[in-house]
Amino acid sequence: MRLAPWWALLSSGSAPLLLVGGWATAEVLQGPGYNPVTQTISILAAYGAPGYWVMNAMLVTLGTCYLATARGLKAARLPGRLALAGGGVSAIALTIFPAPVRGGNFPHGTVVTIGFALMAAWPVLAAHRSRTGPWALQFPASIVASALMVLGAGWFLFELQSGGAAGVAERVLTAAQALWPLLVVTSCLHYPVRERSESRETA
């Protein structure tokens, strides 16, 4: 039995491409008045924004990719898979609670916070205690991944409150969160066949 099906590589590999492609396209549609360094991605998806439909299509597809990857990652522990799936649901929910063009929005901010928290927690929740198995599902790598995502979220909040480079921080954070599922799937697919039975016995 494979640790991850081939289509999990497709879903996890599509996520970062969709994310970056979506915001890049929306930035072009938004025009020169938008500053990607200081302004967040949510502005691009605000109701009435030129790139509204592009961003919403991206969020739905991105969330679907996370859900598909969570389903395919049989080698990961169930709590981690559920957290990744929850991150996918949060991405889709952002289309229901878009940010306003100006001002704050409590439902939108709540969904973003939940999504960031789930995506930061899932690497550790998915990891096995065994020292065998795919490297991305072992505790050392998973702890580092989760810690970096938490630090990224802290950086984003700091920049957002200080009026600094919130756009840069958010892009780095969301890109990292989109890349980690791909690394996990890749590590599962490249795990030697002869070691897989040992991994299942010791997990």
N, C-alpha and C. Protein backbone atom coordinates (compact mmCIF):
# COMPACT_ATOMS: atom_id res chain seq x y z
N MET A 1 0.84 -1.21 0.00
CA MET A 1 0.00 0.00 0.00
C MET A 1 0.87 1.24 0.00
N ARG A 2 0.60 2.17 -0.90
CA ARG A 2 1.37 3.40 -0.96
C ARG A 2 1.08 4.30 0.22
N LEU A 3 2.11 5.06 0.61
CA LEU A 3 1.92 6.01 1.70
C LEU A 3 1.13 7.23 1.25
N ALA A 4 1.09 7.47 -0.07
CA ALA A 4 0.29 8.55 -0.64
C ALA A 4 0.00 8.21 -2.09
N PRO A 5 -1.19 8.42 -2.58
CA PRO A 5 -1.51 8.13 -3.97
C PRO A 5 -0.90 9.18 -4.90
N TRP A 6 -0.79 8.84 -6.16
CA TRP A 6 -0.17 9.75 -7.13
C TRP A 6 -0.93 11.07 -7.23
N TRP A 7 -2.26 11.01 -7.08
CA TRP A 7 -3.04 12.23 -7.23
C TRP A 7 -2.84 13.21 -6.08
N ALA A 8 -2.31 12.73 -4.95
CA ALA A 8 -1.99 13.65 -3.85
C ALA A 8 -0.85 14.58 -4.24
N LEU A 9 0.04 14.07 -5.10
CA LEU A 9 1.12 14.93 -5.61
C LEU A 9 0.53 16.02 -6.50
N LEU A 10 -0.48 15.68 -7.26
CA LEU A 10 -1.14 16.67 -8.12
C LEU A 10 -1.85 17.73 -7.29
N SER A 11 -2.61 17.30 -6.28
CA SER A 11 -3.35 18.27 -5.46
C SER A 11 -2.42 19.15 -4.63
N SER A 12 -1.38 18.53 -4.03
CA SER A 12 -0.46 19.32 -3.21
C SER A 12 0.44 20.21 -4.05
N GLY A 13 0.80 19.74 -5.25
CA GLY A 13 1.64 20.56 -6.11
C GLY A 13 0.88 21.72 -6.75
N SER A 14 -0.42 21.54 -6.93
CA SER A 14 -1.23 22.61 -7.52
C SER A 14 -1.46 23.76 -6.56
N ALA A 15 -1.49 23.47 -5.25
CA ALA A 15 -1.85 24.48 -4.25
C ALA A 15 -0.95 25.71 -4.29
N PRO A 16 0.39 25.58 -4.20
CA PRO A 16 1.21 26.80 -4.25
C PRO A 16 1.15 27.52 -5.59
N LEU A 17 0.99 26.77 -6.68
CA LEU A 17 0.88 27.40 -8.00
C LEU A 17 -0.41 28.21 -8.10
N LEU A 18 -1.50 27.65 -7.59
CA LEU A 18 -2.78 28.36 -7.60
C LEU A 18 -2.72 29.61 -6.74
N LEU A 19 -2.11 29.48 -5.57
CA LEU A 19 -2.03 30.60 -4.64
C LEU A 19 -1.27 31.77 -5.24
N VAL A 20 -0.06 31.50 -5.71
CA VAL A 20 0.77 32.57 -6.27
C VAL A 20 0.17 33.09 -7.58
N GLY A 21 -0.31 32.18 -8.43
CA GLY A 21 -0.92 32.61 -9.68
C GLY A 21 -2.17 33.44 -9.46
N GLY A 22 -2.96 33.08 -8.44
CA GLY A 22 -4.18 33.83 -8.14
C GLY A 22 -3.90 35.23 -7.69
N TRP A 23 -2.99 35.39 -6.72
CA TRP A 23 -2.74 36.75 -6.24
C TRP A 23 -1.98 37.58 -7.28
N ALA A 24 -1.13 36.95 -8.10
CA ALA A 24 -0.40 37.69 -9.13
C ALA A 24 -1.37 38.23 -10.18
N THR A 25 -2.33 37.40 -10.59
CA THR A 25 -3.33 37.83 -11.57
C THR A 25 -4.20 38.94 -11.00
N ALA A 26 -4.62 38.77 -9.75
CA ALA A 26 -5.47 39.77 -9.11
C ALA A 26 -4.75 41.10 -8.94
N GLU A 27 -3.43 41.04 -8.68
CA GLU A 27 -2.65 42.27 -8.55
C GLU A 27 -2.65 43.05 -9.86
N VAL A 28 -2.51 42.34 -10.97
CA VAL A 28 -2.54 43.00 -12.28
C VAL A 28 -3.89 43.66 -12.52
N LEU A 29 -4.96 42.95 -12.18
CA LEU A 29 -6.31 43.49 -12.36
C LEU A 29 -6.57 44.67 -11.42
N GLN A 30 -5.96 44.65 -10.24
CA GLN A 30 -6.17 45.71 -9.25
C GLN A 30 -5.58 47.03 -9.71
N GLY A 31 -4.49 46.96 -10.46
CA GLY A 31 -3.89 48.18 -10.98
C GLY A 31 -2.81 48.77 -10.10
N PRO A 32 -2.22 49.88 -10.52
CA PRO A 32 -1.08 50.47 -9.81
C PRO A 32 -1.40 51.02 -8.43
N GLY A 33 -2.66 51.19 -8.10
CA GLY A 33 -3.01 51.72 -6.78
C GLY A 33 -2.81 50.72 -5.66
N TYR A 34 -2.57 49.47 -6.01
CA TYR A 34 -2.39 48.42 -5.01
C TYR A 34 -0.91 48.23 -4.73
N ASN A 35 -0.55 48.19 -3.44
CA ASN A 35 0.84 48.00 -3.04
C ASN A 35 0.99 46.62 -2.39
N PRO A 36 1.59 45.63 -3.09
CA PRO A 36 1.70 44.28 -2.54
C PRO A 36 2.64 44.17 -1.34
N VAL A 37 3.43 45.20 -1.10
CA VAL A 37 4.34 45.17 0.04
C VAL A 37 3.59 45.44 1.33
N THR A 38 2.73 46.43 1.33
CA THR A 38 2.04 46.85 2.55
C THR A 38 0.59 46.38 2.64
N GLN A 39 -0.03 46.03 1.52
CA GLN A 39 -1.44 45.65 1.52
C GLN A 39 -1.60 44.14 1.44
N THR A 40 -2.63 43.64 2.11
CA THR A 40 -2.81 42.19 2.23
C THR A 40 -3.46 41.58 1.00
N ILE A 41 -3.41 40.25 0.96
CA ILE A 41 -4.05 39.52 -0.13
C ILE A 41 -5.56 39.67 -0.04
N SER A 42 -6.08 39.80 1.17
CA SER A 42 -7.53 39.89 1.36
C SER A 42 -8.14 41.05 0.59
N ILE A 43 -7.39 42.14 0.42
CA ILE A 43 -7.89 43.29 -0.33
C ILE A 43 -8.19 42.91 -1.77
N LEU A 44 -7.38 42.00 -2.31
CA LEU A 44 -7.59 41.56 -3.68
C LEU A 44 -8.87 40.75 -3.83
N ALA A 45 -9.30 40.11 -2.72
CA ALA A 45 -10.50 39.28 -2.74
C ALA A 45 -11.72 40.00 -2.16
N ALA A 46 -11.56 41.30 -1.85
CA ALA A 46 -12.68 42.06 -1.28
C ALA A 46 -13.81 42.16 -2.30
N TYR A 47 -15.03 42.18 -1.78
CA TYR A 47 -16.19 42.27 -2.67
C TYR A 47 -16.15 43.58 -3.45
N GLY A 48 -16.24 43.48 -4.76
CA GLY A 48 -16.19 44.65 -5.62
C GLY A 48 -14.81 44.94 -6.17
N ALA A 49 -13.79 44.25 -5.68
CA ALA A 49 -12.43 44.43 -6.20
C ALA A 49 -12.34 43.86 -7.61
N PRO A 50 -11.48 44.42 -8.46
CA PRO A 50 -11.36 43.93 -9.84
C PRO A 50 -11.02 42.44 -9.94
N GLY A 51 -10.25 41.95 -8.99
CA GLY A 51 -9.86 40.54 -9.01
C GLY A 51 -10.69 39.65 -8.12
N TYR A 52 -11.88 40.12 -7.74
CA TYR A 52 -12.73 39.39 -6.79
C TYR A 52 -12.99 37.96 -7.24
N TRP A 53 -13.43 37.78 -8.48
CA TRP A 53 -13.78 36.44 -8.95
C TRP A 53 -12.55 35.57 -9.15
N VAL A 54 -11.45 36.16 -9.53
CA VAL A 54 -10.20 35.40 -9.67
C VAL A 54 -9.77 34.86 -8.31
N MET A 55 -9.78 35.71 -7.30
CA MET A 55 -9.35 35.30 -5.97
C MET A 55 -10.30 34.28 -5.35
N ASN A 56 -11.60 34.47 -5.58
CA ASN A 56 -12.55 33.54 -5.01
C ASN A 56 -12.45 32.17 -5.67
N ALA A 57 -12.25 32.14 -6.98
CA ALA A 57 -12.03 30.87 -7.67
C ALA A 57 -10.77 30.20 -7.16
N MET A 58 -9.73 31.01 -6.92
CA MET A 58 -8.48 30.47 -6.40
C MET A 58 -8.68 29.88 -5.01
N LEU A 59 -9.38 30.58 -4.14
CA LEU A 59 -9.59 30.12 -2.77
C LEU A 59 -10.38 28.81 -2.72
N VAL A 60 -11.40 28.71 -3.56
CA VAL A 60 -12.19 27.47 -3.61
C VAL A 60 -11.33 26.31 -4.10
N THR A 61 -10.55 26.55 -5.15
CA THR A 61 -9.70 25.49 -5.70
C THR A 61 -8.58 25.14 -4.73
N LEU A 62 -8.00 26.15 -4.08
CA LEU A 62 -6.95 25.92 -3.09
C LEU A 62 -7.47 25.07 -1.94
N GLY A 63 -8.64 25.45 -1.41
CA GLY A 63 -9.25 24.68 -0.33
C GLY A 63 -9.53 23.25 -0.73
N THR A 64 -9.99 23.07 -1.97
CA THR A 64 -10.25 21.72 -2.48
C THR A 64 -8.97 20.91 -2.56
N CYS A 65 -7.88 21.55 -2.96
CA CYS A 65 -6.57 20.87 -3.01
C CYS A 65 -6.14 20.40 -1.62
N TYR A 66 -6.33 21.26 -0.62
CA TYR A 66 -5.98 20.87 0.75
C TYR A 66 -6.84 19.70 1.22
N LEU A 67 -8.12 19.72 0.89
CA LEU A 67 -9.02 18.63 1.28
C LEU A 67 -8.61 17.32 0.61
N ALA A 68 -8.28 17.40 -0.67
CA ALA A 68 -7.86 16.20 -1.40
C ALA A 68 -6.55 15.65 -0.85
N THR A 69 -5.60 16.54 -0.57
CA THR A 69 -4.32 16.10 -0.02
C THR A 69 -4.51 15.45 1.34
N ALA A 70 -5.35 16.03 2.18
CA ALA A 70 -5.63 15.46 3.50
C ALA A 70 -6.23 14.06 3.37
N ARG A 71 -7.07 13.87 2.40
CA ARG A 71 -7.68 12.55 2.20
C ARG A 71 -6.64 11.53 1.73
N GLY A 72 -5.72 11.97 0.90
CA GLY A 72 -4.75 11.04 0.33
C GLY A 72 -3.59 10.69 1.24
N LEU A 73 -3.31 11.54 2.23
CA LEU A 73 -2.14 11.31 3.09
C LEU A 73 -2.43 10.26 4.17
N LYS A 74 -2.55 9.03 3.75
CA LYS A 74 -2.86 7.95 4.69
C LYS A 74 -1.74 7.74 5.71
N ALA A 75 -0.51 8.11 5.34
CA ALA A 75 0.62 7.90 6.24
C ALA A 75 0.62 8.87 7.41
N ALA A 76 -0.07 9.99 7.27
CA ALA A 76 -0.10 10.99 8.34
C ALA A 76 -1.11 10.60 9.40
N ARG A 77 -0.91 11.06 10.61
CA ARG A 77 -1.85 10.79 11.70
C ARG A 77 -3.15 11.56 11.45
N LEU A 78 -4.23 10.96 11.90
CA LEU A 78 -5.56 11.51 11.62
C LEU A 78 -5.74 12.95 12.12
N PRO A 79 -5.28 13.32 13.33
CA PRO A 79 -5.46 14.71 13.75
C PRO A 79 -4.83 15.72 12.78
N GLY A 80 -3.67 15.37 12.24
CA GLY A 80 -3.03 16.26 11.28
C GLY A 80 -3.81 16.36 9.99
N ARG A 81 -4.32 15.23 9.53
CA ARG A 81 -5.11 15.24 8.30
C ARG A 81 -6.39 16.07 8.47
N LEU A 82 -7.00 15.96 9.65
CA LEU A 82 -8.21 16.75 9.93
C LEU A 82 -7.89 18.24 10.00
N ALA A 83 -6.73 18.58 10.57
CA ALA A 83 -6.33 19.99 10.64
C ALA A 83 -6.08 20.55 9.25
N LEU A 84 -5.41 19.76 8.39
CA LEU A 84 -5.19 20.20 7.01
C LEU A 84 -6.50 20.37 6.27
N ALA A 85 -7.42 19.43 6.47
CA ALA A 85 -8.74 19.55 5.85
C ALA A 85 -9.47 20.79 6.37
N GLY A 86 -9.31 21.07 7.67
CA GLY A 86 -9.92 22.27 8.24
C GLY A 86 -9.35 23.53 7.62
N GLY A 87 -8.04 23.51 7.32
CA GLY A 87 -7.44 24.65 6.63
C GLY A 87 -8.04 24.84 5.25
N GLY A 88 -8.35 23.73 4.58
CA GLY A 88 -9.00 23.81 3.28
C GLY A 88 -10.40 24.39 3.37
N VAL A 89 -11.14 23.96 4.39
CA VAL A 89 -12.49 24.50 4.60
C VAL A 89 -12.42 26.00 4.90
N SER A 90 -11.41 26.41 5.67
CA SER A 90 -11.25 27.83 6.00
C SER A 90 -10.98 28.66 4.74
N ALA A 91 -10.17 28.12 3.84
CA ALA A 91 -9.89 28.84 2.59
C ALA A 91 -11.17 29.04 1.79
N ILE A 92 -11.98 28.00 1.72
CA ILE A 92 -13.25 28.11 0.99
C ILE A 92 -14.20 29.07 1.70
N ALA A 93 -14.19 29.05 3.04
CA ALA A 93 -15.09 29.92 3.82
C ALA A 93 -14.77 31.39 3.62
N LEU A 94 -13.53 31.70 3.24
CA LEU A 94 -13.17 33.11 3.01
C LEU A 94 -13.96 33.71 1.86
N THR A 95 -14.47 32.88 0.96
CA THR A 95 -15.29 33.39 -0.13
C THR A 95 -16.67 33.80 0.37
N ILE A 96 -17.07 33.25 1.50
CA ILE A 96 -18.36 33.61 2.10
C ILE A 96 -18.23 34.85 2.96
N PHE A 97 -17.04 35.03 3.55
CA PHE A 97 -16.78 36.18 4.42
C PHE A 97 -15.60 36.99 3.87
N PRO A 98 -15.80 37.68 2.74
CA PRO A 98 -14.70 38.46 2.17
C PRO A 98 -14.40 39.69 3.01
N ALA A 99 -13.19 40.19 2.87
CA ALA A 99 -12.82 41.42 3.58
C ALA A 99 -13.44 42.61 2.89
N PRO A 100 -13.84 43.64 3.64
CA PRO A 100 -14.32 44.87 3.01
C PRO A 100 -13.17 45.62 2.36
N VAL A 101 -13.47 46.47 1.41
CA VAL A 101 -12.43 47.25 0.76
C VAL A 101 -11.71 48.13 1.76
N ARG A 102 -12.45 48.66 2.72
CA ARG A 102 -11.85 49.48 3.78
C ARG A 102 -12.41 49.03 5.12
N GLY A 103 -11.55 49.12 6.15
CA GLY A 103 -12.00 48.79 7.49
C GLY A 103 -11.85 47.31 7.80
N GLY A 104 -12.16 46.97 9.05
CA GLY A 104 -12.02 45.60 9.50
C GLY A 104 -13.30 44.81 9.30
N ASN A 105 -13.21 43.51 9.47
CA ASN A 105 -14.36 42.64 9.33
C ASN A 105 -14.15 41.46 10.26
N PHE A 106 -14.95 41.36 11.31
CA PHE A 106 -14.74 40.34 12.33
C PHE A 106 -14.86 38.92 11.78
N PRO A 107 -15.93 38.59 11.03
CA PRO A 107 -16.03 37.22 10.50
C PRO A 107 -14.84 36.85 9.62
N HIS A 108 -14.42 37.77 8.76
CA HIS A 108 -13.28 37.50 7.88
C HIS A 108 -12.02 37.26 8.70
N GLY A 109 -11.77 38.13 9.66
CA GLY A 109 -10.59 37.98 10.50
C GLY A 109 -10.60 36.70 11.30
N THR A 110 -11.79 36.28 11.75
CA THR A 110 -11.91 35.04 12.51
C THR A 110 -11.57 33.83 11.65
N VAL A 111 -12.08 33.81 10.43
CA VAL A 111 -11.81 32.69 9.52
C VAL A 111 -10.32 32.64 9.17
N VAL A 112 -9.72 33.81 8.93
CA VAL A 112 -8.28 33.85 8.63
C VAL A 112 -7.48 33.31 9.80
N THR A 113 -7.83 33.72 11.01
CA THR A 113 -7.11 33.27 12.21
C THR A 113 -7.22 31.76 12.38
N ILE A 114 -8.43 31.23 12.21
CA ILE A 114 -8.64 29.78 12.34
C ILE A 114 -7.84 29.03 11.27
N GLY A 115 -7.87 29.55 10.05
CA GLY A 115 -7.14 28.91 8.96
C GLY A 115 -5.64 28.89 9.21
N PHE A 116 -5.08 30.03 9.64
CA PHE A 116 -3.65 30.10 9.93
C PHE A 116 -3.28 29.14 11.05
N ALA A 117 -4.13 29.07 12.09
CA ALA A 117 -3.85 28.20 13.24
C ALA A 117 -3.85 26.73 12.82
N LEU A 118 -4.83 26.32 12.04
CA LEU A 118 -4.92 24.93 11.60
C LEU A 118 -3.75 24.56 10.70
N MET A 119 -3.38 25.46 9.80
CA MET A 119 -2.27 25.17 8.88
C MET A 119 -0.93 25.14 9.61
N ALA A 120 -0.82 25.88 10.70
CA ALA A 120 0.41 25.85 11.49
C ALA A 120 0.48 24.61 12.37
N ALA A 121 -0.67 24.12 12.80
CA ALA A 121 -0.70 22.98 13.72
C ALA A 121 -0.60 21.64 13.01
N TRP A 122 -1.03 21.57 11.76
CA TRP A 122 -1.16 20.25 11.14
C TRP A 122 0.16 19.50 10.97
N PRO A 123 1.30 20.16 10.72
CA PRO A 123 2.55 19.36 10.61
C PRO A 123 2.85 18.55 11.87
N VAL A 124 2.73 19.17 13.04
CA VAL A 124 3.00 18.47 14.29
C VAL A 124 1.93 17.41 14.57
N LEU A 125 0.68 17.75 14.31
CA LEU A 125 -0.41 16.81 14.55
C LEU A 125 -0.34 15.59 13.63
N ALA A 126 0.27 15.76 12.46
CA ALA A 126 0.37 14.67 11.50
C ALA A 126 1.57 13.77 11.73
N ALA A 127 2.53 14.22 12.54
CA ALA A 127 3.80 13.51 12.71
C ALA A 127 3.65 12.26 13.56
N HIS A 128 4.53 11.28 13.30
CA HIS A 128 4.58 10.04 14.07
C HIS A 128 5.74 10.10 15.06
N ARG A 129 5.61 9.37 16.14
CA ARG A 129 6.66 9.33 17.15
C ARG A 129 7.84 8.47 16.70
N SER A 130 7.60 7.57 15.77
CA SER A 130 8.66 6.70 15.28
C SER A 130 9.73 7.51 14.55
N ARG A 131 10.97 7.03 14.64
CA ARG A 131 12.07 7.69 13.93
C ARG A 131 12.23 7.16 12.51
N THR A 132 11.39 6.21 12.14
CA THR A 132 11.40 5.72 10.77
C THR A 132 10.23 6.33 10.03
N GLY A 133 10.23 6.19 8.73
CA GLY A 133 9.16 6.75 7.93
C GLY A 133 9.62 7.98 7.17
N PRO A 134 8.75 8.56 6.37
CA PRO A 134 9.10 9.75 5.58
C PRO A 134 9.60 10.88 6.48
N TRP A 135 10.64 11.55 6.06
CA TRP A 135 11.28 12.57 6.91
C TRP A 135 10.31 13.70 7.28
N ALA A 136 9.39 14.04 6.39
CA ALA A 136 8.47 15.16 6.65
C ALA A 136 7.38 14.80 7.64
N LEU A 137 7.25 13.51 7.98
CA LEU A 137 6.28 13.09 8.98
C LEU A 137 6.95 12.66 10.28
N GLN A 138 8.21 12.98 10.44
CA GLN A 138 8.91 12.75 11.69
C GLN A 138 8.88 14.04 12.52
N PHE A 139 8.94 13.90 13.84
CA PHE A 139 8.76 15.05 14.72
C PHE A 139 9.75 16.19 14.51
N PRO A 140 11.04 15.93 14.34
CA PRO A 140 11.97 17.06 14.18
C PRO A 140 11.59 18.00 13.04
N ALA A 141 11.33 17.42 11.86
CA ALA A 141 10.97 18.26 10.71
C ALA A 141 9.61 18.92 10.91
N SER A 142 8.67 18.19 11.50
CA SER A 142 7.32 18.73 11.70
C SER A 142 7.30 19.87 12.70
N ILE A 143 8.09 19.74 13.77
CA ILE A 143 8.17 20.80 14.76
C ILE A 143 8.77 22.06 14.16
N VAL A 144 9.81 21.89 13.36
CA VAL A 144 10.43 23.05 12.71
C VAL A 144 9.42 23.72 11.78
N ALA A 145 8.69 22.92 11.00
CA ALA A 145 7.70 23.49 10.07
C ALA A 145 6.63 24.27 10.82
N SER A 146 6.08 23.67 11.87
CA SER A 146 5.04 24.36 12.64
C SER A 146 5.59 25.62 13.32
N ALA A 147 6.80 25.53 13.86
CA ALA A 147 7.40 26.69 14.54
C ALA A 147 7.61 27.85 13.56
N LEU A 148 8.08 27.53 12.37
CA LEU A 148 8.31 28.58 11.37
C LEU A 148 6.99 29.23 10.95
N MET A 149 5.93 28.44 10.86
CA MET A 149 4.63 29.00 10.49
C MET A 149 4.08 29.90 11.60
N VAL A 150 4.30 29.50 12.86
CA VAL A 150 3.87 30.34 13.97
C VAL A 150 4.65 31.65 13.99
N LEU A 151 5.96 31.56 13.75
CA LEU A 151 6.77 32.78 13.67
C LEU A 151 6.33 33.65 12.51
N GLY A 152 5.98 33.02 11.40
CA GLY A 152 5.49 33.78 10.25
C GLY A 152 4.20 34.50 10.55
N ALA A 153 3.30 33.83 11.29
CA ALA A 153 2.04 34.47 11.68
C ALA A 153 2.30 35.65 12.61
N GLY A 154 3.26 35.47 13.53
CA GLY A 154 3.62 36.57 14.43
C GLY A 154 4.20 37.75 13.67
N TRP A 155 5.04 37.45 12.69
CA TRP A 155 5.61 38.50 11.84
C TRP A 155 4.51 39.25 11.10
N PHE A 156 3.55 38.50 10.55
CA PHE A 156 2.45 39.11 9.82
C PHE A 156 1.63 40.03 10.72
N LEU A 157 1.31 39.57 11.92
CA LEU A 157 0.53 40.39 12.84
C LEU A 157 1.29 41.66 13.22
N PHE A 158 2.60 41.52 13.45
CA PHE A 158 3.41 42.68 13.80
C PHE A 158 3.39 43.71 12.67
N GLU A 159 3.60 43.24 11.45
CA GLU A 159 3.62 44.15 10.30
C GLU A 159 2.25 44.78 10.07
N LEU A 160 1.20 43.99 10.32
CA LEU A 160 -0.16 44.50 10.14
C LEU A 160 -0.47 45.59 11.14
N GLN A 161 -0.06 45.41 12.39
CA GLN A 161 -0.33 46.40 13.43
C GLN A 161 0.54 47.64 13.29
N SER A 162 1.75 47.46 12.79
CA SER A 162 2.68 48.58 12.68
C SER A 162 2.57 49.32 11.35
N GLY A 163 1.74 48.80 10.45
CA GLY A 163 1.60 49.44 9.15
C GLY A 163 2.81 49.22 8.25
N GLY A 164 3.52 48.12 8.49
CA GLY A 164 4.73 47.82 7.71
C GLY A 164 4.45 46.92 6.53
N ALA A 165 5.35 45.97 6.30
CA ALA A 165 5.28 45.10 5.12
C ALA A 165 4.36 43.91 5.36
N ALA A 166 3.10 44.19 5.65
CA ALA A 166 2.13 43.13 5.93
C ALA A 166 1.91 42.25 4.71
N GLY A 167 1.92 42.84 3.53
CA GLY A 167 1.72 42.08 2.30
C GLY A 167 2.82 41.06 2.07
N VAL A 168 4.05 41.46 2.32
CA VAL A 168 5.18 40.55 2.16
C VAL A 168 5.09 39.40 3.17
N ALA A 169 4.84 39.75 4.43
CA ALA A 169 4.76 38.74 5.48
C ALA A 169 3.65 37.73 5.20
N GLU A 170 2.49 38.22 4.75
CA GLU A 170 1.38 37.32 4.48
C GLU A 170 1.68 36.39 3.31
N ARG A 171 2.34 36.91 2.31
CA ARG A 171 2.67 36.08 1.15
C ARG A 171 3.69 35.00 1.50
N VAL A 172 4.68 35.37 2.30
CA VAL A 172 5.68 34.38 2.72
C VAL A 172 5.00 33.29 3.56
N LEU A 173 4.12 33.69 4.47
CA LEU A 173 3.45 32.74 5.34
C LEU A 173 2.54 31.80 4.55
N THR A 174 1.68 32.35 3.71
CA THR A 174 0.73 31.51 2.97
C THR A 174 1.45 30.61 1.96
N ALA A 175 2.54 31.10 1.38
CA ALA A 175 3.31 30.27 0.45
C ALA A 175 3.94 29.10 1.19
N ALA A 176 4.48 29.35 2.38
CA ALA A 176 5.08 28.27 3.18
C ALA A 176 4.03 27.24 3.57
N GLN A 177 2.85 27.71 3.94
CA GLN A 177 1.77 26.79 4.32
C GLN A 177 1.31 25.96 3.13
N ALA A 178 1.36 26.53 1.94
CA ALA A 178 0.96 25.79 0.74
C ALA A 178 2.03 24.81 0.28
N LEU A 179 3.29 25.10 0.57
CA LEU A 179 4.39 24.24 0.14
C LEU A 179 4.58 23.02 1.03
N TRP A 180 4.27 23.13 2.32
CA TRP A 180 4.55 22.02 3.23
C TRP A 180 3.79 20.74 2.86
N PRO A 181 2.49 20.80 2.50
CA PRO A 181 1.82 19.56 2.08
C PRO A 181 2.52 18.90 0.89
N LEU A 182 3.03 19.69 -0.04
CA LEU A 182 3.77 19.13 -1.18
C LEU A 182 5.02 18.40 -0.72
N LEU A 183 5.75 18.98 0.24
CA LEU A 183 6.95 18.33 0.76
C LEU A 183 6.61 17.03 1.48
N VAL A 184 5.50 17.03 2.21
CA VAL A 184 5.09 15.82 2.92
C VAL A 184 4.74 14.71 1.91
N VAL A 185 3.95 15.05 0.92
CA VAL A 185 3.56 14.06 -0.08
C VAL A 185 4.79 13.54 -0.82
N THR A 186 5.69 14.44 -1.20
CA THR A 186 6.90 14.03 -1.91
C THR A 186 7.74 13.09 -1.06
N SER A 187 7.86 13.39 0.23
CA SER A 187 8.64 12.51 1.12
C SER A 187 7.99 11.14 1.24
N CYS A 188 6.67 11.08 1.19
CA CYS A 188 5.97 9.79 1.25
C CYS A 188 6.18 8.98 -0.02
N LEU A 189 6.11 9.64 -1.16
CA LEU A 189 6.26 8.95 -2.43
C LEU A 189 7.69 8.46 -2.67
N HIS A 190 8.66 9.12 -2.05
CA HIS A 190 10.06 8.74 -2.23
C HIS A 190 10.56 7.83 -1.10
N TYR A 191 9.68 7.48 -0.18
CA TYR A 191 10.09 6.61 0.92
C TYR A 191 10.28 5.19 0.38
N PRO A 192 11.44 4.55 0.62
CA PRO A 192 11.72 3.23 0.05
C PRO A 192 10.66 2.19 0.40
N VAL A 193 10.30 1.39 -0.59
CA VAL A 193 9.26 0.38 -0.40
C VAL A 193 9.62 -0.60 0.70
N ARG A 194 10.87 -1.00 0.80
CA ARG A 194 11.26 -2.02 1.77
C ARG A 194 11.11 -1.57 3.20
N GLU A 195 10.99 -0.22 3.44
CA GLU A 195 10.90 0.28 4.79
C GLU A 195 9.47 0.58 5.21
N ARG A 196 8.53 0.49 4.28
CA ARG A 196 7.18 0.93 4.58
C ARG A 196 6.49 0.04 5.61
N SER A 197 6.71 -1.27 5.51
CA SER A 197 6.07 -2.16 6.48
C SER A 197 6.56 -1.91 7.87
N GLU A 198 7.89 -1.60 8.01
CA GLU A 198 8.43 -1.28 9.33
C GLU A 198 7.81 -0.02 9.88
N SER A 199 7.59 0.97 9.01
CA SER A 199 7.02 2.26 9.44
C SER A 199 5.62 2.05 9.99
N ARG A 200 4.81 1.20 9.33
CA ARG A 200 3.44 1.01 9.79
C ARG A 200 3.41 0.26 11.13
N GLU A 201 4.38 -0.64 11.33
CA GLU A 201 4.41 -1.41 12.57
C GLU A 201 4.83 -0.55 13.76
N THR A 202 5.73 0.42 13.52
CA THR A 202 6.26 1.21 14.64
C THR A 202 5.52 2.52 14.84
N ALA A 203 4.64 2.92 13.90
CA ALA A 203 3.94 4.21 13.99
C ALA A 203 2.94 4.18 15.14
